[in-house]
């Protein structure tokens, strides 16, 4: 059994005041780091503080490498421990995976099946039986495991869609890969998966999304009860711009930073190519990309082949992020030009807006509207190298650093506040169990 803080122990001894016994089925959880892990760490801390009994079914930490994290020998499949907030964590089986989509999907399936098996075995006792089961996506199989457990325990089913699934299945190639046109069987499987997910969303007692746009999409497809609980951010919200209007670049290169996931969804090739184009015009620019993901090696190779003024490095500790942001003149948030991404807002955008720095947003849809309405920075169409290069070239040529409005960080303080988000979630659960 892993250790827990004194605060977690206090929560574990506290008798639930709400009457909820919540079971979370998730493929990603602490001590891993990432957006879903941070979201549920923040929510569960507040759930337990409100007297909710929380159990979590999740694999041992193996993200993003696909192999068991160093030092995780006390979190092997079958172990039960207390988390930092007093939650009960039941570790399920997993499958070591590579960077391929097929390999990762197999891991998701193994964990989902194991979640059903261990959930039925470990949570049968009356004082452990959940009254609410939450399946959070991705991975997609988690929502089906949650459905099976909710049926067995006669509990309310909550399906949480952090991204625009099932619509991301086709553009992401999660089931078809690069041979979709030559493999009609896989294309048919994609259609079946889309229908199955949509049907389960319609049957859930509650569907939680992180944006209003996607909530409207699901309502139009027959989901009967859809609510929005946005992503939050742990980044300290500043109350004033970090750069004074008219600040001179002091004859140095224009500085750009991207810090986050280096995956297919982010489409960061555009950043590398735009930086090379700006430099080819004789304008000074320096770009730093830090993070982990399937595209890290490719991005570094592309930068070398183009001779782009771009460095690609590994993730840095959270304590060093503020200093990196302060070094930059603008921070990048990027998504590919896939229609489902028009319905989502990446949690990274909230972090950047909270920081008070100017954002270069290579996004469309709700994310773009948010940036423009709050004057948080500039928006360019996703994947548009020329537009991005023109934007940065303009700042490099002017010699004046861009500035974000205070309205952006003020909005985050109200709408991406973890206390408010958790209270909203708990109110939704109260409505389900009345």
Foldseek 3Di string as FASTA:
>chain_A
DDDEDPQLVVLLPDAAPLPFAEEEEEADEPPDDDQVNVQVVLLVLVCSVNRYAYEYEYAADDPPALDHDPPRPQRHAQHWDAYHNNHIYHHFDFGRAHQDLVRVLRRQVRSLVRCLVVCVVPQVDPVRQGQEYEFEDPVPSSLVSSVVSCVVSVHAYEYEYAFLPPQVCVVVVSQNNPCCVVCVVSVVVSVVRRVVVLVSQLVGPEYEYQFPLSQVVSVVSRNDHYDHQHAFDPAAADQFAPDDFFDFLVPAAAEEEEAHEPEPFFQCLLVLLLQLVLVVVVFGHAYEYEADHDCQVVSCVSNVVSVGNYDYYYHDDPVCVLVVQSVHLEYEGGGAPRVSQLRHADNVLLNLLRSQHAYEYQGHHPNQVLCVVQQRHDYDHHPDNVVVNVVSSVCRVVRGRDGGGSSSSVCSVPRNPSVVSSVVVVVVVSVSPD
